[in-house]
């Protein structure tokens, strides 16, 4: 049991966000990405609703999605708020990424389960994916930037009003291995009673 705790502890401590610009362009086989996504399917879920859904862009579709995302930003941003750097970042975010996974909470039909619980379950699925990427040697980045939380993204993805886009997960490889740290220790975040 102690060995198993040590393994999961090491994986959690070593998981780091690697921004897409820091990825190196090497591709992850689609089958390996599917195995990583399978880990997301084992997240905790109230009432077994399994609300997580994933749209996966691979190969040339990564660049295509990034260009569409940038154009979505341009067409849905008033000229006085448009930022060329934001547009360029969205346009090029996939240049070195292998895959982009759009993570969605698809609202179920059971009204007894609050939407917040479905969002939390989907976030847990995302964390499983990030940890799986780490174990497989892949880099990952969970992004909520750009148009992720805008109605235009939901329209683009043809989602229902009650569905929620929780982010884009960039997957790839990186030559960087950043160190992790925390601003405060766990002792400052726990109240024992």
Protein backbone atom coordinates (compact mmCIF):
# COMPACT_ATOMS: atom_id res chain seq x y z
CA UNK A 1 0.00 0.00 0.00
CA UNK A 2 2.83 2.38 0.87
CA UNK A 3 4.44 1.72 -2.53
CA UNK A 4 1.18 2.56 -4.31
CA UNK A 5 0.87 5.80 -2.33
CA UNK A 6 4.44 6.66 -3.23
CA UNK A 7 3.73 6.10 -6.93
CA UNK A 8 0.62 8.30 -7.05
CA UNK A 9 2.31 10.92 -4.87
CA UNK A 10 5.24 11.09 -7.30
CA UNK A 11 2.93 11.43 -10.30
CA UNK A 12 0.91 14.22 -8.68
CA UNK A 13 4.02 16.09 -7.54
CA UNK A 14 5.60 15.82 -11.01
CA UNK A 15 2.57 16.93 -13.03
CA UNK A 16 3.23 20.37 -14.49
CA UNK A 17 1.51 22.58 -17.01
CA UNK A 18 3.56 23.02 -20.16
CA UNK A 19 2.27 25.83 -22.36
CA UNK A 20 1.75 24.91 -26.02
CA UNK A 21 4.56 27.23 -27.14
CA UNK A 22 6.98 25.13 -25.02
CA UNK A 23 6.00 21.87 -26.72
CA UNK A 24 8.42 20.48 -29.30
CA UNK A 25 6.16 19.35 -32.14
CA UNK A 26 6.59 15.59 -31.64
CA UNK A 27 3.31 13.75 -32.12
CA UNK A 28 1.60 11.42 -29.68
CA UNK A 29 0.03 8.36 -31.32
CA UNK A 30 -3.78 8.65 -31.37
CA UNK A 31 -4.05 5.31 -29.56
CA UNK A 32 -1.97 6.69 -26.67
CA UNK A 33 -4.22 9.76 -26.48
CA UNK A 34 -7.24 7.46 -26.34
CA UNK A 35 -5.64 5.56 -23.43
CA UNK A 36 -5.06 8.87 -21.62
CA UNK A 37 -8.68 9.91 -22.22
CA UNK A 38 -9.84 6.53 -20.90
CA UNK A 39 -8.45 7.59 -17.52
CA UNK A 40 -10.80 10.56 -17.59
CA UNK A 41 -13.70 8.16 -17.95
CA UNK A 42 -12.93 6.83 -14.44
CA UNK A 43 -13.47 10.10 -12.61
CA UNK A 44 -15.96 10.18 -9.73
CA UNK A 45 -19.50 10.97 -10.85
CA UNK A 46 -22.64 11.48 -8.80
CA UNK A 47 -25.47 9.27 -9.98
CA UNK A 48 -23.18 7.74 -12.59
CA UNK A 49 -24.07 10.51 -15.01
CA UNK A 50 -20.55 10.59 -16.51
CA UNK A 51 -21.05 14.14 -17.86
CA UNK A 52 -17.62 14.54 -19.47
CA UNK A 53 -17.35 14.69 -23.24
CA UNK A 54 -14.23 15.26 -25.32
CA UNK A 55 -13.73 16.61 -28.82
CA UNK A 56 -10.27 15.62 -30.03
CA UNK A 57 -8.34 17.44 -32.73
CA UNK A 58 -5.30 15.65 -34.13
CA UNK A 59 -2.94 15.90 -37.10
CA UNK A 60 -3.86 18.79 -39.43
CA UNK A 61 -7.11 19.40 -37.49
CA UNK A 62 -5.07 20.94 -34.62
CA UNK A 63 -3.92 23.83 -36.79
CA UNK A 64 -7.36 24.12 -38.40
CA UNK A 65 -9.06 24.41 -35.00
CA UNK A 66 -6.55 27.04 -33.82
CA UNK A 67 -7.23 29.15 -36.92
CA UNK A 68 -10.98 28.77 -36.37
CA UNK A 69 -10.57 29.70 -32.71
CA UNK A 70 -8.66 32.86 -33.65
CA UNK A 71 -11.32 33.82 -36.20
CA UNK A 72 -14.03 33.14 -33.62
CA UNK A 73 -12.24 35.61 -31.34
CA UNK A 74 -11.99 38.20 -34.14
CA UNK A 75 -15.62 37.91 -35.23
CA UNK A 76 -17.00 38.05 -31.67
CA UNK A 77 -14.85 40.83 -30.24
CA UNK A 78 -15.83 44.48 -30.67
CA UNK A 79 -13.10 46.37 -32.58
CA UNK A 80 -12.28 48.52 -29.56
CA UNK A 81 -11.59 45.39 -27.46
CA UNK A 82 -9.77 43.37 -30.14
CA UNK A 83 -6.16 42.54 -29.25
CA UNK A 84 -3.90 41.38 -32.06
CA UNK A 85 -1.62 39.53 -29.61
CA UNK A 86 -4.59 37.50 -28.33
CA UNK A 87 -5.58 36.69 -31.90
CA UNK A 88 -2.03 35.65 -32.82
CA UNK A 89 -1.70 33.50 -29.71
CA UNK A 90 -4.92 31.61 -30.48
CA UNK A 91 -3.90 31.28 -34.14
CA UNK A 92 -0.50 29.72 -33.27
CA UNK A 93 -1.26 27.85 -30.02
CA UNK A 94 -1.34 24.51 -31.82
CA UNK A 95 1.83 24.97 -33.87
CA UNK A 96 3.82 22.61 -31.61
CA UNK A 97 1.00 20.66 -29.94
CA UNK A 98 0.16 17.11 -30.94
CA UNK A 99 -3.52 17.12 -29.97
CA UNK A 100 -6.10 19.51 -28.60
CA UNK A 101 -8.91 18.08 -26.50
CA UNK A 102 -11.97 20.22 -25.83
CA UNK A 103 -13.41 19.16 -22.46
CA UNK A 104 -17.15 19.63 -22.08
CA UNK A 105 -19.63 19.05 -19.30
CA UNK A 106 -22.69 17.65 -21.05
CA UNK A 107 -25.62 18.28 -18.76
CA UNK A 108 -27.63 15.18 -17.99
CA UNK A 109 -31.37 14.85 -17.68
CA UNK A 110 -31.54 14.17 -13.93
CA UNK A 111 -32.62 17.49 -12.37
CA UNK A 112 -31.75 16.21 -8.87
CA UNK A 113 -28.04 16.43 -9.69
CA UNK A 114 -26.87 20.06 -9.55
CA UNK A 115 -24.92 21.42 -12.51
CA UNK A 116 -22.06 22.24 -10.15
CA UNK A 117 -21.60 18.54 -9.37
CA UNK A 118 -21.48 17.76 -13.09
CA UNK A 119 -18.86 20.48 -13.59
CA UNK A 120 -16.81 19.09 -10.70
CA UNK A 121 -17.01 15.57 -12.13
CA UNK A 122 -15.79 16.82 -15.49
CA UNK A 123 -12.95 18.73 -13.82
CA UNK A 124 -11.98 15.50 -12.03
CA UNK A 125 -11.94 13.74 -15.41
CA UNK A 126 -9.64 16.47 -16.73
CA UNK A 127 -7.26 16.00 -13.79
CA UNK A 128 -7.16 12.26 -14.50
CA UNK A 129 -6.20 13.09 -18.08
CA UNK A 130 -3.46 15.48 -16.98
CA UNK A 131 -2.04 12.86 -14.60
CA UNK A 132 -2.25 10.21 -17.32
CA UNK A 133 -0.36 12.47 -19.71
CA UNK A 134 2.36 12.90 -17.09
CA UNK A 135 2.73 9.16 -16.57
CA UNK A 136 2.90 8.58 -20.33
CA UNK A 137 5.69 11.13 -20.70
CA UNK A 138 3.51 13.68 -22.50
CA UNK A 139 3.23 17.38 -21.75
CA UNK A 140 -0.16 18.91 -21.08
CA UNK A 141 -1.77 22.30 -20.60
CA UNK A 142 -5.36 22.96 -19.48
CA UNK A 143 -6.35 26.28 -21.02
CA UNK A 144 -9.45 28.33 -20.29
CA UNK A 145 -8.34 31.25 -22.42
CA UNK A 146 -9.57 32.70 -25.65
CA UNK A 147 -13.20 31.97 -26.38
CA UNK A 148 -13.56 28.96 -24.05
CA UNK A 149 -16.22 30.51 -21.80
CA UNK A 150 -17.97 32.56 -24.49
CA UNK A 151 -21.35 31.68 -26.02
CA UNK A 152 -19.75 31.77 -29.48
CA UNK A 153 -17.61 28.73 -28.57
CA UNK A 154 -20.69 26.78 -27.51
CA UNK A 155 -22.35 27.71 -30.79
CA UNK A 156 -19.22 26.73 -32.74
CA UNK A 157 -19.18 23.33 -31.00
CA UNK A 158 -22.96 22.97 -31.42
CA UNK A 159 -23.56 22.47 -27.71
CA UNK A 160 -26.79 22.80 -25.77
CA UNK A 161 -27.35 25.90 -23.65
CA UNK A 162 -26.87 23.94 -20.40
CA UNK A 163 -23.58 22.34 -21.50
CA UNK A 164 -20.32 23.94 -20.33
CA UNK A 165 -16.94 24.09 -22.02
CA UNK A 166 -14.38 23.55 -19.24
CA UNK A 167 -11.32 24.13 -21.37
CA UNK A 168 -8.91 23.01 -24.01
CA UNK A 169 -6.28 20.45 -23.10
CA UNK A 170 -3.17 20.78 -25.22
CA UNK A 171 -1.17 17.55 -25.42
CA UNK A 172 2.29 17.06 -26.87
CA UNK A 173 5.86 16.54 -25.86
CA UNK A 174 8.32 19.01 -24.41
CA UNK A 175 12.03 19.11 -23.74
CA UNK A 176 11.41 21.19 -20.62
CA UNK A 177 10.85 19.73 -17.17
CA UNK A 178 9.79 22.63 -14.93
CA UNK A 179 10.09 22.42 -11.18
CA UNK A 180 6.95 22.73 -9.13
CA UNK A 181 6.24 24.79 -6.06
CA UNK A 182 3.36 26.03 -3.99
CA UNK A 183 2.86 29.55 -2.65
CA UNK A 184 1.92 28.24 0.79
CA UNK A 185 2.27 24.93 2.57
CA UNK A 186 -0.66 22.62 3.19
CA UNK A 187 -0.44 23.52 6.89
CA UNK A 188 -1.71 27.00 6.06
CA UNK A 189 -4.72 25.53 4.26
CA UNK A 190 -5.97 23.07 6.88
CA UNK A 191 -8.00 23.69 10.00
CA UNK A 192 -7.98 20.66 12.27
CA UNK A 193 -10.94 20.33 14.63
